[in-house]
Amino acid sequence: MKKVITYGTFDLLHYGHVNLLERAKKLGDYLIVVLSSDEFNWNEKHKKCYFSYDERKRLLESIRYVDLVIPETSWGQKVEDIKEFKVDTFVMGDDWKGKFDYLSEYCKVVYLPRTPEISTTQIKHDLQGVK
């Protein structure tokens, strides 16, 4: 069984996220999504999520491409996750291109093109203008 892993916040889940998850799943048989915890988002990424970790996890678990959702609590856990789950392929959006090349020592690293016309940042920006 080929295992694929990806990481993200997945706040304000949208069709760009679903596109990424669908393409990631096609690279293997089992897709693990490592979801940034609320604490990690706030303390390390300096992001405040609209939806809580539990709400975002529930949304991700409802997507047919996703087999397992686990928490991300630190930047450094990627190597541990790859080893623990015996991951074959690490996947991220191409906005992260080059940032995780060091993981190629442990598995294949793939950067997938983003869906260009949609992003959580853009949604938040658009909603601010609606006020």
Foldseek 3Di string as FASTA:
>chain_A
DAEEEEEDACAPPDVLVLVQLVVRLVVDPAYEYAHEAQCCCCVPVVDHGPDHPVVSLVVQVVRPSHDYYHYDDDPPCPLVVCVVVVHAEYEEACVCPPVPPVCVVRHHYYHHHTPPPDDPVVVVVVVVVVD
